[in-house]
Amino acid sequence: MHAVLPRLESQRTTFPPLRRRSVSTLQVNLGYKCNQSCLHCHVAASPQRTEMMDGETVDLVIDTLRHVGAKALDLTGGAPELNPYFRALVAEARALGVRVIDRCNLTVLFEPGQETTAQFLADHQVAVTASLPCYSVDNVDKQRGNGVFDQSIRALQLLNSLGYGDGASGLELNLVYNPQGPSLPPSQVKLEADYKRILGESFGIRFDHLFTLANMPIQRFGSTLISKGTFETYMTVLKDAHRDENLDGVMCRDQLSIDWQGYVYDCDFNQMLGLATRAGGRPRTHLRDVLASARDALNDGAIVVRDHCYGCTAGQGSSCGGALG
């Protein structure tokens, strides 16, 4: 699983240097435990993982939101809903007026103990960004496991019944697409239109936006590329498709990524590679260090870049909010 890591951590890169502008979003990984084991998962999450953010670190996240003045809290995993402090964190953040995003795999809503999660999300006006890598049952189940497509459709219908995606309730529902293999995503605009038409006609499902994401050559997906002998080919695809104009919109320029232990990274992908932020001149920065520093200590800091960063700037670009241009 980790065969790809030394190749990306130790290499020199030709990727352009980047600096952070501000910290408007904290993206927080609440743990690697998940009820799915998807082939493309850059976190290598699964039901067997045990890493989970504890209550003390959750409190530090809340304090950091106040300290840096972040406007958004982006919760991810694994399945973030499986963390026992998920609801407390959401409620505290919403009480601060912070926008909360739940990166939901949809099927988790039917796990034991999650029967009221969808209603909780609606009650707290949480924006749901839901994984649905295709509108085809065969493609989804191949990538995510048997029965996942049908459960995902049921979950979307449940969210729709609560007002998500209707354009009037304020309950935002976005879907996420990623390619099946080592290729760039198609046009986000065209694919969104296809998703809305097919899901609407076939299942009565409505949603706000589709986000297209490129697969990152790290962790589980990176190891798959190596085993198939296509790692270098995919890296060439990403580098050849690089567009300088996408550099302005990459997510690392305005957000920080926090791991389940409270350590700080420039992005979620660097987190998975163990490439800690160099903010404040430290070799490794924890939320406690952020809270002990001035508010602007993380702004205008150099961002750690490696060749996997080309996955964010290739073609139409890719970020947690979809295409960049």
Protein backbone atom coordinates (compact mmCIF):
# COMPACT_ATOMS: atom_id res chain seq x y z
CA MET A 1 0.00 0.00 0.00
CA HIS A 2 2.86 2.41 0.77
CA ALA A 3 5.20 1.48 -2.08
CA VAL A 4 4.52 4.78 -3.82
CA LEU A 5 5.31 7.01 -0.87
CA PRO A 6 9.14 7.17 -1.01
CA ARG A 7 9.01 8.03 -4.72
CA LEU A 8 6.92 11.12 -4.10
CA GLU A 9 8.37 12.21 -0.76
CA SER A 10 12.04 12.17 -1.74
CA GLN A 11 11.98 13.32 -5.34
CA ARG A 12 12.86 16.77 -6.56
CA THR A 13 10.00 18.42 -8.36
CA THR A 14 9.58 20.85 -11.20
CA PHE A 15 6.20 21.96 -9.86
CA PRO A 16 6.06 25.75 -9.46
CA PRO A 17 6.50 27.17 -5.94
CA LEU A 18 3.34 28.26 -4.12
CA ARG A 19 2.58 30.46 -1.12
CA ARG A 20 -0.51 30.52 1.06
CA ARG A 21 -2.76 33.58 0.82
CA SER A 22 -4.92 33.03 3.89
CA VAL A 23 -6.64 30.37 5.98
CA SER A 24 -10.32 30.53 5.13
CA THR A 25 -10.99 26.78 5.40
CA LEU A 26 -9.90 24.04 7.78
CA GLN A 27 -10.18 20.62 6.20
CA VAL A 28 -10.19 18.11 9.05
CA ASN A 29 -9.73 14.37 8.72
CA LEU A 30 -11.66 12.81 11.60
CA GLY A 31 -10.19 9.35 11.07
CA TYR A 32 -9.40 6.68 8.51
CA LYS A 33 -12.17 4.25 9.48
CA CYS A 34 -14.73 3.82 6.71
CA ASN A 35 -17.49 1.38 5.86
CA GLN A 36 -16.11 1.15 2.31
CA SER A 37 -12.73 0.29 0.74
CA CYS A 38 -12.75 2.16 -2.58
CA LEU A 39 -10.09 1.43 -5.20
CA HIS A 40 -9.38 5.11 -5.85
CA CYS A 41 -9.17 6.15 -2.17
CA HIS A 42 -6.07 8.28 -1.59
CA VAL A 43 -6.54 7.82 2.18
CA ALA A 44 -6.55 4.01 1.99
CA ALA A 45 -9.56 4.09 4.33
CA SER A 46 -11.38 0.88 5.22
CA PRO A 47 -13.48 -0.80 7.95
CA GLN A 48 -10.23 -2.19 9.40
CA ARG A 49 -8.62 1.20 10.09
CA THR A 50 -8.70 2.30 13.72
CA GLU A 51 -7.21 5.84 13.58
CA MET A 52 -9.76 8.29 14.99
CA MET A 53 -9.59 11.88 16.24
CA ASP A 54 -10.22 12.12 19.99
CA GLY A 55 -12.29 14.64 21.91
CA GLU A 56 -9.30 16.71 23.06
CA THR A 57 -8.18 17.24 19.46
CA VAL A 58 -11.73 18.06 18.38
CA ASP A 59 -11.71 20.83 20.99
CA LEU A 60 -8.45 22.13 19.49
CA VAL A 61 -10.12 22.23 16.07
CA ILE A 62 -12.89 24.44 17.47
CA ASP A 63 -10.36 26.72 19.14
CA THR A 64 -8.38 26.94 15.88
CA LEU A 65 -11.49 27.92 13.92
CA ARG A 66 -11.84 30.90 16.27
CA HIS A 67 -8.12 31.69 16.28
CA VAL A 68 -7.55 31.85 12.52
CA GLY A 69 -11.01 33.19 11.68
CA ALA A 70 -11.79 30.36 9.26
CA LYS A 71 -15.14 30.62 7.50
CA ALA A 72 -15.53 26.94 6.59
CA LEU A 73 -14.94 23.55 8.22
CA ASP A 74 -14.56 20.73 5.70
CA LEU A 75 -14.95 17.32 7.37
CA THR A 76 -13.49 14.24 5.76
CA GLY A 77 -12.17 10.76 6.56
CA GLY A 78 -12.64 7.80 6.12
CA ALA A 79 -16.26 8.33 6.83
CA PRO A 80 -16.25 11.38 9.14
CA GLU A 81 -19.70 10.50 10.50
CA LEU A 82 -18.22 7.41 12.20
CA ASN A 83 -16.20 9.58 14.59
CA PRO A 84 -18.04 9.68 17.95
CA TYR A 85 -17.40 13.45 18.23
CA PHE A 86 -18.70 14.26 14.73
CA ARG A 87 -22.01 15.73 15.87
CA ALA A 88 -20.49 17.75 18.69
CA LEU A 89 -17.94 19.25 16.32
CA VAL A 90 -20.60 20.13 13.74
CA ALA A 91 -22.85 21.73 16.34
CA GLU A 92 -20.01 23.81 17.85
CA ALA A 93 -18.83 24.99 14.44
CA ARG A 94 -22.33 25.95 13.33
CA ALA A 95 -22.83 27.85 16.58
CA LEU A 96 -19.78 29.91 15.59
CA GLY A 97 -21.41 30.71 12.26
CA VAL A 98 -18.91 28.54 10.37
CA ARG A 99 -20.04 26.80 7.18
CA VAL A 100 -19.69 23.03 7.62
CA ILE A 101 -19.14 20.59 4.75
CA ASP A 102 -19.61 16.86 5.28
CA ARG A 103 -17.80 14.69 2.73
CA CYS A 104 -20.21 11.80 2.84
CA ASN A 105 -19.89 8.46 1.07
CA LEU A 106 -23.72 8.14 1.25
CA THR A 107 -23.84 4.47 2.29
CA VAL A 108 -22.68 5.40 5.80
CA LEU A 109 -26.17 6.85 6.37
CA PHE A 110 -27.45 3.26 6.62
CA GLU A 111 -24.81 1.99 9.01
CA PRO A 112 -25.90 0.96 12.54
CA GLY A 113 -26.11 4.02 14.75
CA GLN A 114 -26.37 6.41 11.78
CA GLU A 115 -30.15 6.23 11.36
CA THR A 116 -30.65 9.90 12.30
CA THR A 117 -27.51 11.33 10.69
CA ALA A 118 -29.26 12.67 7.57
CA GLN A 119 -31.79 14.52 9.71
CA PHE A 120 -28.99 15.87 11.92
CA LEU A 121 -27.18 17.24 8.86
CA ALA A 122 -30.35 18.95 7.66
CA ASP A 123 -31.15 20.37 11.09
CA HIS A 124 -27.69 21.98 11.26
CA GLN A 125 -27.68 23.23 7.65
CA VAL A 126 -24.60 21.16 6.81
CA ALA A 127 -23.55 21.18 3.16
CA VAL A 128 -23.24 17.59 1.93
CA THR A 129 -20.59 16.74 -0.65
CA ALA A 130 -21.40 13.17 -1.63
CA SER A 131 -19.29 10.67 -3.50
CA LEU A 132 -20.91 9.17 -6.59
CA PRO A 133 -18.17 8.36 -9.10
CA CYS A 134 -20.62 7.51 -11.89
CA TYR A 135 -24.35 7.34 -12.71
CA SER A 136 -23.91 3.71 -13.80
CA VAL A 137 -24.45 0.86 -11.34
CA ASP A 138 -21.69 -1.27 -12.90
CA ASN A 139 -19.05 1.44 -12.71
CA VAL A 140 -19.87 2.46 -9.16
CA ASP A 141 -20.00 -1.08 -7.80
CA LYS A 142 -16.75 -1.97 -9.58
CA GLN A 143 -14.97 0.92 -7.92
CA ARG A 144 -16.68 0.95 -4.52
CA GLY A 145 -18.16 -2.50 -3.89
CA ASN A 146 -21.26 -4.54 -4.67
CA GLY A 147 -24.54 -2.85 -3.80
CA VAL A 148 -22.98 0.58 -3.23
CA PHE A 149 -24.79 2.20 -6.16
CA ASP A 150 -28.25 1.14 -5.00
CA GLN A 151 -27.54 2.27 -1.44
CA SER A 152 -26.15 5.57 -2.71
CA ILE A 153 -29.33 6.22 -4.69
CA ARG A 154 -31.44 5.50 -1.60
CA ALA A 155 -29.29 7.89 0.42
CA LEU A 156 -29.65 10.66 -2.17
CA GLN A 157 -33.40 10.16 -2.21
CA LEU A 158 -33.40 10.40 1.59
CA LEU A 159 -31.44 13.66 1.46
CA ASN A 160 -33.79 15.00 -1.20
CA SER A 161 -36.77 14.19 1.03
CA LEU A 162 -35.23 16.44 3.70
CA GLY A 163 -34.89 19.33 1.26
CA TYR A 164 -31.34 18.83 0.05
CA GLY A 165 -30.75 19.95 -3.53
CA ASP A 166 -34.10 21.66 -4.04
CA GLY A 167 -32.54 25.09 -4.54
CA ALA A 168 -34.85 26.77 -2.01
CA SER A 169 -34.17 25.21 1.40
CA GLY A 170 -30.56 26.31 1.62
CA LEU A 171 -29.53 22.67 2.04
CA GLU A 172 -26.66 22.21 -0.39
CA LEU A 173 -26.02 18.82 -2.01
CA ASN A 174 -23.06 18.35 -4.32
CA LEU A 175 -21.85 15.15 -5.96
CA VAL A 176 -18.27 14.09 -6.65
CA TYR A 177 -17.02 12.29 -9.75
CA ASN A 178 -13.59 10.75 -10.25
CA PRO A 179 -12.33 8.71 -13.20
CA GLN A 180 -12.24 4.92 -13.11
CA GLY A 181 -8.52 4.81 -13.88
CA PRO A 182 -5.39 6.81 -14.83
CA SER A 183 -7.02 9.50 -16.94
CA LEU A 184 -8.16 13.09 -16.45
CA PRO A 185 -11.80 13.86 -15.70
CA PRO A 186 -14.00 15.01 -18.61
CA SER A 187 -15.53 18.48 -18.78
CA GLN A 188 -17.22 19.21 -15.45
CA VAL A 189 -19.93 21.32 -17.12
CA LYS A 190 -20.92 18.64 -19.62
CA LEU A 191 -20.75 15.81 -17.09
CA GLU A 192 -22.87 17.72 -14.57
CA ALA A 193 -25.58 18.10 -17.20
CA ASP A 194 -25.46 14.34 -17.88
CA TYR A 195 -25.63 13.51 -14.16
CA LYS A 196 -28.62 15.78 -13.60
CA ARG A 197 -30.48 14.44 -16.59
CA ILE A 198 -29.87 10.74 -15.95
CA LEU A 199 -30.27 10.77 -12.16
CA GLY A 200 -33.35 12.97 -12.46
CA GLU A 201 -35.05 10.88 -15.14
CA SER A 202 -34.12 7.50 -13.64
CA PHE A 203 -34.45 8.14 -9.90
CA GLY A 204 -35.98 11.59 -9.40
CA ILE A 205 -32.76 12.81 -7.78
CA ARG A 206 -31.80 16.47 -7.69
CA PHE A 207 -28.55 18.06 -6.57
CA ASP A 208 -26.77 21.40 -6.83
CA HIS A 209 -23.38 20.83 -8.45
CA LEU A 210 -21.07 18.09 -9.66
CA PHE A 211 -17.39 18.27 -8.69
CA THR A 212 -14.91 16.44 -10.94
CA LEU A 213 -11.71 15.33 -9.20
CA ALA A 214 -8.56 13.81 -10.66
CA ASN A 215 -7.25 10.66 -9.02
CA MET A 216 -4.06 11.32 -7.08
CA PRO A 217 -1.11 8.92 -7.64
CA ILE A 218 -0.72 8.18 -3.93
CA GLN A 219 -1.74 5.54 -1.39
CA ARG A 220 -4.14 2.87 -2.68
CA PHE A 221 -4.55 4.33 -6.17
CA GLY A 222 -0.81 4.98 -6.48
CA SER A 223 -0.01 1.42 -5.45
CA THR A 224 -2.47 0.13 -8.04
CA LEU A 225 -0.70 2.17 -10.71
CA ILE A 226 2.67 0.73 -9.69
CA SER A 227 1.36 -2.85 -9.69
CA LYS A 228 0.01 -2.34 -13.23
CA GLY A 229 3.15 -0.60 -14.46
CA THR A 230 1.29 2.62 -15.29
CA PHE A 231 2.56 4.97 -12.57
CA GLU A 232 5.07 6.83 -14.75
CA THR A 233 2.61 6.99 -17.64
CA TYR A 234 -0.01 8.64 -15.45
CA MET A 235 2.53 11.10 -14.05
CA THR A 236 3.42 12.06 -17.62
CA VAL A 237 -0.27 12.63 -18.37
CA LEU A 238 -0.57 14.97 -15.39
CA LYS A 239 2.61 16.91 -16.13
CA ASP A 240 1.86 17.32 -19.84
CA ALA A 241 -1.61 18.68 -19.01
CA HIS A 242 -0.38 21.23 -16.43
CA ARG A 243 -1.80 24.74 -16.84
CA ASP A 244 -0.19 27.66 -15.02
CA GLU A 245 -3.51 29.50 -14.88
CA ASN A 246 -4.81 26.84 -12.47
CA LEU A 247 -2.19 27.75 -9.86
CA ASP A 248 -4.26 30.67 -8.60
CA GLY A 249 -7.18 28.42 -7.64
CA VAL A 250 -5.52 25.41 -6.02
CA MET A 251 -7.06 24.70 -2.63
CA CYS A 252 -3.82 24.75 -0.62
CA ARG A 253 -3.55 28.52 -1.05
CA ASP A 254 -6.54 29.19 1.21
CA GLN A 255 -6.92 26.18 3.48
CA LEU A 256 -5.11 23.91 5.91
CA SER A 257 -5.45 20.17 6.27
CA ILE A 258 -5.56 18.68 9.78
CA ASP A 259 -4.96 14.99 10.43
CA TRP A 260 -6.69 12.86 13.06
CA GLN A 261 -3.91 13.58 15.56
CA GLY A 262 -4.08 17.36 15.09
CA TYR A 263 -0.99 17.82 12.90
CA VAL A 264 -1.13 20.44 10.16
CA TYR A 265 -0.52 19.99 6.42
CA ASP A 266 -0.89 22.17 3.35
CA CYS A 267 -3.43 19.80 1.79
CA ASP A 268 -5.09 16.43 2.28
CA PHE A 269 -2.77 14.78 -0.24
CA ASN A 270 0.37 16.00 1.53
CA GLN A 271 -1.17 14.67 4.73
CA MET A 272 -1.37 11.19 3.22
CA LEU A 273 2.31 11.43 2.21
CA GLY A 274 3.43 12.73 5.61
CA LEU A 275 4.60 16.03 4.10
CA ALA A 276 3.96 18.42 6.99
CA THR A 277 3.53 22.15 6.47
CA ARG A 278 6.61 24.26 7.09
CA ALA A 279 4.55 27.13 8.47
CA GLY A 280 6.23 28.93 11.34
CA GLY A 281 9.58 27.34 10.51
CA ARG A 282 8.79 24.10 12.36
CA PRO A 283 9.54 20.65 10.93
CA ARG A 284 6.09 19.55 12.14
CA THR A 285 3.24 21.80 13.24
CA HIS A 286 0.42 20.81 15.58
CA LEU A 287 -2.82 22.70 16.29
CA ARG A 288 -1.35 23.57 19.69
CA ASP A 289 1.45 25.41 17.86
CA VAL A 290 -1.10 27.27 15.73
CA LEU A 291 -2.99 28.37 18.83
CA ALA A 292 0.22 29.56 20.48
CA SER A 293 1.16 31.73 17.50
CA ALA A 294 -0.11 35.00 16.10
CA ARG A 295 -3.15 34.75 13.86
CA ASP A 296 -1.14 35.52 10.71
CA ALA A 297 1.62 33.00 11.38
CA LEU A 298 0.24 30.54 8.80
CA ASN A 299 -0.51 33.12 6.12
CA ASP A 300 1.87 33.85 3.26
CA GLY A 301 3.84 30.70 4.04
CA ALA A 302 5.62 28.51 1.52
CA ILE A 303 3.58 25.44 0.56
CA VAL A 304 5.27 22.03 0.32
CA VAL A 305 4.98 20.83 -3.29
CA ARG A 306 5.88 17.57 -5.03
CA ASP A 307 5.04 15.98 -8.36
CA HIS A 308 1.61 14.78 -7.19
CA CYS A 309 0.59 18.47 -7.17
CA TYR A 310 0.27 18.23 -10.96
CA GLY A 311 -2.95 16.33 -10.26
CA CYS A 312 -4.47 19.64 -9.12
CA THR A 313 -3.33 21.74 -12.08
CA ALA A 314 -3.73 19.31 -15.00
CA GLY A 315 -6.37 20.09 -17.61
CA GLN A 316 -9.38 21.88 -16.12
CA GLY A 317 -7.75 21.59 -12.70
CA SER A 318 -8.94 19.68 -9.66
CA SER A 319 -9.71 20.66 -6.08
CA CYS A 320 -12.07 19.59 -3.31
CA GLY A 321 -14.51 22.04 -4.89
CA GLY A 322 -14.18 20.52 -8.35
CA ALA A 323 -12.65 21.90 -11.56
CA LEU A 324 -10.69 25.15 -11.41
CA GLY A 325 -11.32 26.44 -14.89
